[in-house]
Amino acid sequence: MAPAETTGATGATAPRAARLKVAVAQHTGLVGERERNLAALADAARRARARGAALLVTPELFVSGYDPEAVADDDGAAHRREIAAIARSHRLAVVASTVDRADGGRFISASLFDSGGAELTRYHKQHLFGAAEKAVFTPGRRPPAVVPLHGVNIALGVCFDIEFPEFTRAVARSGAELLCVPTAVPLRPSHGAEANPFDTRLIPGMVVPTRALESQLYIAYANHTGPRFAGLSCLSDPYGRRVAAGESGTGLVVGDVDLRTLGEARRATDYLTSSD
């Protein structure tokens, strides 16, 4: 396939590989069911590889299951070794979220493993959500690194991070073209007979594509699924389109990150290099 020229936040251009096929896993990790969760992750990797994907993005704390106080003491290092083995076995890059004890703190992290199982980067969630996370985890102190994978510059966020426009903009201006976001957005209970005024399905349905539009990058957003979580995992493009999207059930969302589309969007509307 012919290379494409893309323009980053600095205005520089370079020939680049045109496409990266990304799979986004939507599945609920269960607390206390590590082996089951790992088997589900391995199956998602197998199916993603069969569909031609080079990268699989998985939900927040999937191997542990999402329950901050219940899983805060999980052995994240062991989980990362097991995830790396899955990436290596299926010759597939994987983004996955684990507990990380480092620098005197305990963090919700996200890691990018290449198809050989090497961990290319690890990011600590900066924006903790709710009392449960804040009670047992430490907010991250450093912005995500930007690392190349198959010709695409990738950065990591985790869940609540994406709901802050300044976070996504900073990531894009640092050179990211694809932001991968493991997440765990729950559905909110109704207020008696009335629906909750905040329908959290708006996050993947509206907020995520808006972030992709206003910061001119692709976003791969992997959520747990029902009945407790909002689902709607997606790949959104820099025009604000959900180019691949799931619904409420378990499944795999597959779509292309196309650097020609990214370049066209950045040339059409100068969001990144205009003064703030």
C-alpha atoms as a PDB file:
ATOM      1  CA  MET A   1       0.000   0.000   0.000  1.00  0.00           C
ATOM      2  CA  ALA A   2       1.325   3.450  -0.845  1.00  0.00           C
ATOM      3  CA  PRO A   3       2.587   5.622   2.034  1.00  0.00           C
ATOM      4  CA  ALA A   4       0.670   8.694   3.116  1.00  0.00           C
ATOM      5  CA  GLU A   5       1.841  12.110   4.220  1.00  0.00           C
ATOM      6  CA  THR A   6       0.444  13.203   7.567  1.00  0.00           C
ATOM      7  CA  THR A   7       0.741  16.516   9.324  1.00  0.00           C
ATOM      8  CA  GLY A   8       1.182  16.583  13.097  1.00  0.00           C
ATOM      9  CA  ALA A   9       0.807  19.376  15.645  1.00  0.00           C
ATOM     10  CA  THR A  10       4.221  20.759  14.639  1.00  0.00           C
ATOM     11  CA  GLY A  11       3.233  21.019  10.974  1.00  0.00           C
ATOM     12  CA  ALA A  12       5.922  18.543   9.856  1.00  0.00           C
ATOM     13  CA  THR A  13       5.111  16.018   7.156  1.00  0.00           C
ATOM     14  CA  ALA A  14       6.531  12.547   6.584  1.00  0.00           C
ATOM     15  CA  PRO A  15       5.623   9.498   4.484  1.00  0.00           C
ATOM     16  CA  ARG A  16       3.752   7.002   6.624  1.00  0.00           C
ATOM     17  CA  ALA A  17       2.028   3.623   6.358  1.00  0.00           C
ATOM     18  CA  ALA A  18      -1.580   4.312   5.465  1.00  0.00           C
ATOM     19  CA  ARG A  19      -3.676   2.029   7.688  1.00  0.00           C
ATOM     20  CA  LEU A  20      -3.713   0.199  10.999  1.00  0.00           C
ATOM     21  CA  LYS A  21      -6.575  -2.234  11.623  1.00  0.00           C
ATOM     22  CA  VAL A  22      -7.688  -1.994  15.260  1.00  0.00           C
ATOM     23  CA  ALA A  23      -9.954  -4.343  17.221  1.00  0.00           C
ATOM     24  CA  VAL A  24     -11.772  -3.086  20.324  1.00  0.00           C
ATOM     25  CA  ALA A  25     -12.943  -5.778  22.745  1.00  0.00           C
ATOM     26  CA  GLN A  26     -16.243  -5.304  24.594  1.00  0.00           C
ATOM     27  CA  HIS A  27     -16.596  -7.853  27.370  1.00  0.00           C
ATOM     28  CA  THR A  28     -17.036  -7.742  31.159  1.00  0.00           C
ATOM     29  CA  GLY A  29     -14.188  -8.920  33.347  1.00  0.00           C
ATOM     30  CA  LEU A  30     -15.424 -10.617  36.516  1.00  0.00           C
ATOM     31  CA  VAL A  31     -13.812  -9.999  39.909  1.00  0.00           C
ATOM     32  CA  GLY A  32     -12.155 -13.153  41.258  1.00  0.00           C
ATOM     33  CA  GLU A  33     -12.268 -14.872  37.841  1.00  0.00           C
ATOM     34  CA  ARG A  34      -8.736 -14.249  36.570  1.00  0.00           C
ATOM     35  CA  GLU A  35      -8.492 -17.445  34.529  1.00  0.00           C
ATOM     36  CA  ARG A  36     -11.881 -16.856  32.919  1.00  0.00           C
ATOM     37  CA  ASN A  37     -10.954 -13.269  32.093  1.00  0.00           C
ATOM     38  CA  LEU A  38      -7.614 -14.301  30.616  1.00  0.00           C
ATOM     39  CA  ALA A  39      -9.346 -16.945  28.501  1.00  0.00           C
ATOM     40  CA  ALA A  40     -11.777 -14.291  27.219  1.00  0.00           C
ATOM     41  CA  LEU A  41      -8.870 -11.975  26.412  1.00  0.00           C
ATOM     42  CA  ALA A  42      -7.053 -14.756  24.559  1.00  0.00           C
ATOM     43  CA  ASP A  43     -10.211 -15.556  22.585  1.00  0.00           C
ATOM     44  CA  ALA A  44     -10.629 -11.880  21.684  1.00  0.00           C
ATOM     45  CA  ALA A  45      -7.001 -11.829  20.512  1.00  0.00           C
ATOM     46  CA  ARG A  46      -7.579 -14.923  18.373  1.00  0.00           C
ATOM     47  CA  ARG A  47     -10.696 -13.442  16.761  1.00  0.00           C
ATOM     48  CA  ALA A  48      -9.044 -10.049  16.255  1.00  0.00           C
ATOM     49  CA  ARG A  49      -6.094 -11.677  14.514  1.00  0.00           C
ATOM     50  CA  ALA A  50      -8.440 -13.709  12.317  1.00  0.00           C
ATOM     51  CA  ARG A  51     -10.113 -10.475  11.207  1.00  0.00           C
ATOM     52  CA  GLY A  52      -6.802  -8.935  10.238  1.00  0.00           C
ATOM     53  CA  ALA A  53      -6.303  -6.622  13.212  1.00  0.00           C
ATOM     54  CA  ALA A  54      -2.781  -5.681  14.269  1.00  0.00           C
ATOM     55  CA  LEU A  55      -3.851  -4.130  17.609  1.00  0.00           C
ATOM     56  CA  LEU A  56      -6.410  -5.177  20.241  1.00  0.00           C
ATOM     57  CA  VAL A  57      -7.675  -2.701  22.871  1.00  0.00           C
ATOM     58  CA  THR A  58      -9.311  -4.155  26.011  1.00  0.00           C
ATOM     59  CA  PRO A  59     -11.412  -2.686  28.873  1.00  0.00           C
ATOM     60  CA  GLU A  60     -10.158  -1.125  32.109  1.00  0.00           C
ATOM     61  CA  LEU A  61      -8.845  -3.637  34.691  1.00  0.00           C
ATOM     62  CA  PHE A  62     -10.246  -6.461  32.569  1.00  0.00           C
ATOM     63  CA  VAL A  63      -8.138  -9.300  33.986  1.00  0.00           C
ATOM     64  CA  SER A  64      -8.888  -8.198  37.562  1.00  0.00           C
ATOM     65  CA  GLY A  65     -12.480  -7.193  36.931  1.00  0.00           C
ATOM     66  CA  TYR A  66     -13.553  -3.635  37.647  1.00  0.00           C
ATOM     67  CA  ASP A  67     -14.150  -3.123  41.377  1.00  0.00           C
ATOM     68  CA  PRO A  68     -11.458  -0.774  42.720  1.00  0.00           C
ATOM     69  CA  GLU A  69     -11.565  -1.708  46.391  1.00  0.00           C
ATOM     70  CA  ALA A  70     -11.795  -5.447  45.670  1.00  0.00           C
ATOM     71  CA  VAL A  71      -8.885  -5.591  43.206  1.00  0.00           C
ATOM     72  CA  ALA A  72      -6.507  -2.898  44.476  1.00  0.00           C
ATOM     73  CA  ASP A  73      -4.114  -5.540  45.862  1.00  0.00           C
ATOM     74  CA  ASP A  74      -4.130  -7.711  42.726  1.00  0.00           C
ATOM     75  CA  ASP A  75      -0.755  -8.725  41.310  1.00  0.00           C
ATOM     76  CA  GLY A  76      -0.626  -6.453  38.283  1.00  0.00           C
ATOM     77  CA  ALA A  77       2.906  -7.551  37.395  1.00  0.00           C
ATOM     78  CA  ALA A  78       1.715 -11.153  37.044  1.00  0.00           C
ATOM     79  CA  HIS A  79      -1.246 -10.021  34.964  1.00  0.00           C
ATOM     80  CA  ARG A  80       1.047  -8.071  32.642  1.00  0.00           C
ATOM     81  CA  ARG A  81       3.207 -11.156  32.115  1.00  0.00           C
ATOM     82  CA  GLU A  82       0.113 -13.159  31.202  1.00  0.00           C
ATOM     83  CA  ILE A  83      -1.153 -10.455  28.831  1.00  0.00           C
ATOM     84  CA  ALA A  84       2.287 -10.249  27.202  1.00  0.00           C
ATOM     85  CA  ALA A  85       2.186 -14.016  26.643  1.00  0.00           C
ATOM     86  CA  ILE A  86      -1.212 -13.679  24.916  1.00  0.00           C
ATOM     87  CA  ALA A  87       0.120 -10.913  22.672  1.00  0.00           C
ATOM     88  CA  ARG A  88       3.141 -13.045  21.788  1.00  0.00           C
ATOM     89  CA  SER A  89       1.085 -16.202  21.223  1.00  0.00           C
ATOM     90  CA  HIS A  90      -1.322 -14.484  18.822  1.00  0.00           C
ATOM     91  CA  ARG A  91       1.294 -12.193  17.197  1.00  0.00           C
ATOM     92  CA  LEU A  92      -0.907  -9.224  18.032  1.00  0.00           C
ATOM     93  CA  ALA A  93      -0.247  -5.926  19.803  1.00  0.00           C
ATOM     94  CA  VAL A  94      -2.467  -5.499  22.882  1.00  0.00           C
ATOM     95  CA  VAL A  95      -3.518  -2.556  25.048  1.00  0.00           C
ATOM     96  CA  ALA A  96      -4.573  -3.714  28.511  1.00  0.00           C
ATOM     97  CA  SER A  97      -5.181  -2.171  31.930  1.00  0.00           C
ATOM     98  CA  THR A  98      -3.776  -3.524  35.214  1.00  0.00           C
ATOM     99  CA  VAL A  99      -3.044  -2.514  38.792  1.00  0.00           C
ATOM    100  CA  ASP A 100       0.477  -1.118  39.131  1.00  0.00           C
ATOM    101  CA  ARG A 101       2.483  -0.554  42.295  1.00  0.00           C
ATOM    102  CA  ALA A 102       5.261   1.924  41.504  1.00  0.00           C
ATOM    103  CA  ASP A 103       6.998   5.031  42.828  1.00  0.00           C
ATOM    104  CA  GLY A 104       5.405   4.599  46.256  1.00  0.00           C
ATOM    105  CA  GLY A 105       1.868   4.587  44.858  1.00  0.00           C
ATOM    106  CA  ARG A 106      -0.787   2.210  43.606  1.00  0.00           C
ATOM    107  CA  PHE A 107      -2.140   3.077  40.179  1.00  0.00           C
ATOM    108  CA  ILE A 108      -4.687   2.041  37.587  1.00  0.00           C
ATOM    109  CA  SER A 109      -2.455   1.608  34.563  1.00  0.00           C
ATOM    110  CA  ALA A 110      -2.657   0.898  30.859  1.00  0.00           C
ATOM    111  CA  SER A 111       0.103  -0.822  28.878  1.00  0.00           C
ATOM    112  CA  LEU A 112       0.851  -1.296  25.201  1.00  0.00           C
ATOM    113  CA  PHE A 113       2.443  -4.648  24.339  1.00  0.00           C
ATOM    114  CA  ASP A 114       3.800  -5.310  20.869  1.00  0.00           C
ATOM    115  CA  SER A 115       3.219  -8.549  18.960  1.00  0.00           C
ATOM    116  CA  GLY A 116       6.334 -10.056  20.518  1.00  0.00           C
ATOM    117  CA  GLY A 117       5.043  -9.388  24.038  1.00  0.00           C
ATOM    118  CA  ALA A 118       7.374  -6.468  24.794  1.00  0.00           C
ATOM    119  CA  GLU A 119       5.783  -3.707  26.879  1.00  0.00           C
ATOM    120  CA  LEU A 120       6.350  -0.520  24.890  1.00  0.00           C
ATOM    121  CA  THR A 121       4.831   1.929  27.356  1.00  0.00           C
ATOM    122  CA  ARG A 122       2.855   2.042  30.601  1.00  0.00           C
ATOM    123  CA  TYR A 123       0.627   4.932  31.638  1.00  0.00           C
ATOM    124  CA  HIS A 124      -0.951   5.721  35.036  1.00  0.00           C
ATOM    125  CA  LYS A 125      -4.539   7.027  35.030  1.00  0.00           C
ATOM    126  CA  GLN A 126      -4.490  10.719  35.933  1.00  0.00           C
ATOM    127  CA  HIS A 127      -8.198  11.369  36.525  1.00  0.00           C
ATOM    128  CA  LEU A 128      -9.552   8.962  39.130  1.00  0.00           C
ATOM    129  CA  PHE A 129     -13.320   8.537  39.154  1.00  0.00           C
ATOM    130  CA  GLY A 130     -15.436   8.478  42.302  1.00  0.00           C
ATOM    131  CA  ALA A 131     -14.779   7.745  45.947  1.00  0.00           C
ATOM    132  CA  ALA A 132     -13.965   4.063  45.390  1.00  0.00           C
ATOM    133  CA  GLU A 133     -11.022   4.722  43.058  1.00  0.00           C
ATOM    134  CA  LYS A 134      -9.758   7.657  45.110  1.00  0.00           C
ATOM    135  CA  ALA A 135      -9.824   5.586  48.297  1.00  0.00           C
ATOM    136  CA  VAL A 136      -7.338   2.979  47.062  1.00  0.00           C
ATOM    137  CA  PHE A 137      -5.474   4.364  44.034  1.00  0.00           C
ATOM    138  CA  THR A 138      -3.047   7.216  43.388  1.00  0.00           C
ATOM    139  CA  PRO A 139      -3.584   9.614  40.466  1.00  0.00           C
ATOM    140  CA  GLY A 140      -0.905   9.443  37.792  1.00  0.00           C
ATOM    141  CA  ARG A 141       1.642  12.248  37.718  1.00  0.00           C
ATOM    142  CA  ARG A 142       2.962  12.049  34.151  1.00  0.00           C
ATOM    143  CA  PRO A 143       1.314  12.531  30.761  1.00  0.00           C
ATOM    144  CA  PRO A 144       1.177   9.511  28.462  1.00  0.00           C
ATOM    145  CA  ALA A 145       4.126   8.845  26.203  1.00  0.00           C
ATOM    146  CA  VAL A 146       3.642   8.701  22.444  1.00  0.00           C
ATOM    147  CA  VAL A 147       5.089   5.554  20.865  1.00  0.00           C
ATOM    148  CA  PRO A 148       5.084   4.320  17.260  1.00  0.00           C
ATOM    149  CA  LEU A 149       3.425   1.047  16.320  1.00  0.00           C
ATOM    150  CA  HIS A 150       3.140  -0.100  12.698  1.00  0.00           C
ATOM    151  CA  GLY A 151       3.675   3.485  11.528  1.00  0.00           C
ATOM    152  CA  VAL A 152       1.031   5.054  13.807  1.00  0.00           C
ATOM    153  CA  ASN A 153       1.862   7.215  16.848  1.00  0.00           C
ATOM    154  CA  ILE A 154      -0.091   5.847  19.817  1.00  0.00           C
ATOM    155  CA  ALA A 155      -0.803   7.176  23.307  1.00  0.00           C
ATOM    156  CA  LEU A 156      -2.791   5.680  26.177  1.00  0.00           C
ATOM    157  CA  GLY A 157      -5.490   7.035  28.465  1.00  0.00           C
ATOM    158  CA  VAL A 158      -7.805   5.317  30.933  1.00  0.00           C
ATOM    159  CA  CYS A 159     -11.572   5.833  31.216  1.00  0.00           C
ATOM    160  CA  PHE A 160     -12.318   9.146  32.976  1.00  0.00           C
ATOM    161  CA  ASP A 161      -9.265  10.783  31.360  1.00  0.00           C
ATOM    162  CA  ILE A 162     -11.100  11.044  28.031  1.00  0.00           C
ATOM    163  CA  GLU A 163     -13.895  13.108  29.578  1.00  0.00           C
ATOM    164  CA  PHE A 164     -11.505  16.046  30.006  1.00  0.00           C
ATOM    165  CA  PRO A 165     -10.918  17.895  26.712  1.00  0.00           C
ATOM    166  CA  GLU A 166      -7.591  19.308  27.840  1.00  0.00           C
ATOM    167  CA  PHE A 167      -6.216  15.778  28.358  1.00  0.00           C
ATOM    168  CA  THR A 168      -7.054  14.685  24.816  1.00  0.00           C
ATOM    169  CA  ARG A 169      -5.825  17.920  23.284  1.00  0.00           C
ATOM    170  CA  ALA A 170      -2.480  17.650  25.087  1.00  0.00           C
ATOM    171  CA  VAL A 171      -2.108  14.066  23.831  1.00  0.00           C
ATOM    172  CA  ALA A 172      -2.820  15.115  20.245  1.00  0.00           C
ATOM    173  CA  ARG A 173      -0.476  18.088  20.417  1.00  0.00           C
ATOM    174  CA  SER A 174       2.280  15.811  21.706  1.00  0.00           C
ATOM    175  CA  GLY A 175       2.075  13.899  18.411  1.00  0.00           C
ATOM    176  CA  ALA A 176      -0.450  11.106  19.035  1.00  0.00           C
ATOM    177  CA  GLU A 177      -2.565   9.938  16.107  1.00  0.00           C
ATOM    178  CA  LEU A 178      -4.411   7.169  17.949  1.00  0.00           C
ATOM    179  CA  LEU A 179      -5.467   7.370  21.599  1.00  0.00           C
ATOM    180  CA  CYS A 180      -6.325   3.973  23.118  1.00  0.00           C
ATOM    181  CA  VAL A 181      -8.630   4.115  26.138  1.00  0.00           C
ATOM    182  CA  PRO A 182      -9.450   1.074  28.285  1.00  0.00           C
ATOM    183  CA  THR A 183     -12.576   2.066  30.201  1.00  0.00           C
ATOM    184  CA  ALA A 184     -15.246   0.925  32.662  1.00  0.00           C
ATOM    185  CA  VAL A 185     -18.250   3.239  32.363  1.00  0.00           C
ATOM    186  CA  PRO A 186     -21.151   1.875  34.434  1.00  0.00           C
ATOM    187  CA  LEU A 187     -24.830   2.458  33.841  1.00  0.00           C
ATOM    188  CA  ARG A 188     -26.350   4.641  36.552  1.00  0.00           C
ATOM    189  CA  PRO A 189     -29.370   3.400  38.507  1.00  0.00           C
ATOM    190  CA  SER A 190     -32.724   5.095  38.098  1.00  0.00           C
ATOM    191  CA  HIS A 191     -34.129   7.433  40.734  1.00  0.00           C
ATOM    192  CA  GLY A 192     -37.175   5.459  41.791  1.00  0.00           C
ATOM    193  CA  ALA A 193     -39.577   5.535  38.865  1.00  0.00           C
ATOM    194  CA  GLU A 194     -37.507   8.156  37.000  1.00  0.00           C
ATOM    195  CA  ALA A 195     -34.500   7.521  34.805  1.00  0.00           C
ATOM    196  CA  ASN A 196     -31.171   8.836  36.013  1.00  0.00           C
ATOM    197  CA  PRO A 197     -30.681  12.333  34.532  1.00  0.00           C
ATOM    198  CA  PHE A 198     -27.155  11.389  33.429  1.00  0.00           C
ATOM    199  CA  ASP A 199     -27.293   8.622  30.871  1.00  0.00           C
ATOM    200  CA  THR A 200     -23.677   7.432  30.804  1.00  0.00           C
ATOM    201  CA  ARG A 201     -24.159   6.016  27.309  1.00  0.00           C
ATOM    202  CA  LEU A 202     -23.612   9.619  26.214  1.00  0.00           C
ATOM    203  CA  ILE A 203     -19.900   9.186  26.971  1.00  0.00           C
ATOM    204  CA  PRO A 204     -19.127   6.632  24.237  1.00  0.00           C
ATOM    205  CA  GLY A 205     -21.982   7.847  22.048  1.00  0.00           C
ATOM    206  CA  MET A 206     -21.281  11.582  22.111  1.00  0.00           C
ATOM    207  CA  VAL A 207     -18.256  12.609  24.192  1.00  0.00           C
ATOM    208  CA  VAL A 208     -15.697  10.221  22.678  1.00  0.00           C
ATOM    209  CA  PRO A 209     -16.398  11.143  19.021  1.00  0.00           C
ATOM    210  CA  THR A 210     -16.443  14.818  20.033  1.00  0.00           C
ATOM    211  CA  ARG A 211     -12.986  14.458  21.592  1.00  0.00           C
ATOM    212  CA  ALA A 212     -11.749  12.813  18.393  1.00  0.00           C
ATOM    213  CA  LEU A 213     -13.168  15.692  16.320  1.00  0.00           C
ATOM    214  CA  GLU A 214     -11.953  18.604  18.417  1.00  0.00           C
ATOM    215  CA  SER A 215      -8.458  17.148  18.948  1.00  0.00           C
ATOM    216  CA  GLN A 216      -8.143  15.611  15.459  1.00  0.00           C
ATOM    217  CA  LEU A 217      -7.067  12.060  16.200  1.00  0.00           C
ATOM    218  CA  TYR A 218      -8.482   8.545  16.319  1.00  0.00           C
ATOM    219  CA  ILE A 219      -9.784   7.156  19.623  1.00  0.00           C
ATOM    220  CA  ALA A 220     -10.195   3.442  20.362  1.00  0.00           C
ATOM    221  CA  TYR A 221     -12.485   3.153  23.390  1.00  0.00           C
ATOM    222  CA  ALA A 222     -12.973  -0.281  25.010  1.00  0.00           C
ATOM    223  CA  ASN A 223     -15.725  -0.601  27.632  1.00  0.00           C
ATOM    224  CA  HIS A 224     -17.127  -3.413  29.745  1.00  0.00           C
ATOM    225  CA  THR A 225     -20.620  -4.485  28.733  1.00  0.00           C
ATOM    226  CA  GLY A 226     -24.070  -4.976  30.307  1.00  0.00           C
ATOM    227  CA  PRO A 227     -25.944  -5.401  32.425  1.00  0.00           C
ATOM    228  CA  ARG A 228     -23.858  -3.140  34.699  1.00  0.00           C
ATOM    229  CA  PHE A 229     -21.831  -1.214  32.132  1.00  0.00           C
ATOM    230  CA  ALA A 230     -22.706   1.119  29.258  1.00  0.00           C
ATOM    231  CA  GLY A 231     -20.970  -0.817  26.471  1.00  0.00           C
ATOM    232  CA  LEU A 232     -20.965   1.080  23.141  1.00  0.00           C
ATOM    233  CA  SER A 233     -17.227   0.534  22.625  1.00  0.00           C
ATOM    234  CA  CYS A 234     -16.034   2.299  19.499  1.00  0.00           C
ATOM    235  CA  LEU A 235     -13.354   3.535  17.164  1.00  0.00           C
ATOM    236  CA  SER A 236     -13.916   7.234  16.435  1.00  0.00           C
ATOM    237  CA  ASP A 237     -12.176   9.193  13.697  1.00  0.00           C
ATOM    238  CA  PRO A 238     -10.967  12.830  13.493  1.00  0.00           C
ATOM    239  CA  TYR A 239     -14.215  13.885  11.789  1.00  0.00           C
ATOM    240  CA  GLY A 240     -16.159  12.831  14.900  1.00  0.00           C
ATOM    241  CA  ARG A 241     -17.577   9.682  13.315  1.00  0.00           C
ATOM    242  CA  ARG A 242     -17.932   6.391  15.168  1.00  0.00           C
ATOM    243  CA  VAL A 243     -16.485   4.433  12.263  1.00  0.00           C
ATOM    244  CA  ALA A 244     -16.876   1.145  14.144  1.00  0.00           C
ATOM    245  CA  ALA A 245     -19.129   0.706  17.176  1.00  0.00           C
ATOM    246  CA  GLY A 246     -20.633  -1.934  19.413  1.00  0.00           C
ATOM    247  CA  GLU A 247     -23.946  -2.010  21.241  1.00  0.00           C
ATOM    248  CA  SER A 248     -24.703  -3.495  24.669  1.00  0.00           C
ATOM    249  CA  GLY A 249     -23.478  -7.074  24.296  1.00  0.00           C
ATOM    250  CA  THR A 250     -20.173  -8.905  24.204  1.00  0.00           C
ATOM    251  CA  GLY A 251     -18.321  -8.497  20.941  1.00  0.00           C
ATOM    252  CA  LEU A 252     -15.407  -7.208  18.929  1.00  0.00           C
ATOM    253  CA  VAL A 253     -15.425  -3.857  17.128  1.00  0.00           C
ATOM    254  CA  VAL A 254     -12.984  -3.689  14.215  1.00  0.00           C
ATOM    255  CA  GLY A 255     -12.047  -0.663  12.124  1.00  0.00           C
ATOM    256  CA  ASP A 256      -9.179   1.085  10.364  1.00  0.00           C
ATOM    257  CA  VAL A 257      -7.023   3.957  11.527  1.00  0.00           C
ATOM    258  CA  ASP A 258      -6.340   5.674   8.194  1.00  0.00           C
ATOM    259  CA  LEU A 259      -3.570   8.255   8.275  1.00  0.00           C
ATOM    260  CA  ARG A 260      -4.731   9.733   4.987  1.00  0.00           C
ATOM    261  CA  THR A 261      -8.075  10.548   6.623  1.00  0.00           C
ATOM    262  CA  LEU A 262      -6.208  12.000   9.601  1.00  0.00           C
ATOM    263  CA  GLY A 263      -4.093  14.193   7.355  1.00  0.00           C
ATOM    264  CA  GLU A 264      -7.146  15.410   5.450  1.00  0.00           C
ATOM    265  CA  ALA A 265      -8.973  16.301   8.674  1.00  0.00           C
ATOM    266  CA  ARG A 266      -6.001  18.218  10.058  1.00  0.00           C
ATOM    267  CA  ARG A 267      -5.556  20.144   6.834  1.00  0.00           C
ATOM    268  CA  ALA A 268      -9.271  20.924   6.584  1.00  0.00           C
ATOM    269  CA  THR A 269      -9.617  22.393  10.088  1.00  0.00           C
ATOM    270  CA  ASP A 270      -6.641  23.786  11.967  1.00  0.00           C
ATOM    271  CA  TYR A 271      -7.604  22.898  15.546  1.00  0.00           C
ATOM    272  CA  LEU A 272      -4.191  21.760  16.754  1.00  0.00           C
ATOM    273  CA  THR A 273      -1.873  24.523  15.570  1.00  0.00           C
ATOM    274  CA  SER A 274      -4.208  27.477  16.083  1.00  0.00           C
ATOM    275  CA  SER A 275      -3.398  29.500  19.187  1.00  0.00           C
ATOM    276  CA  ASP A 276      -5.335  28.571  22.329  1.00  0.00           C
END
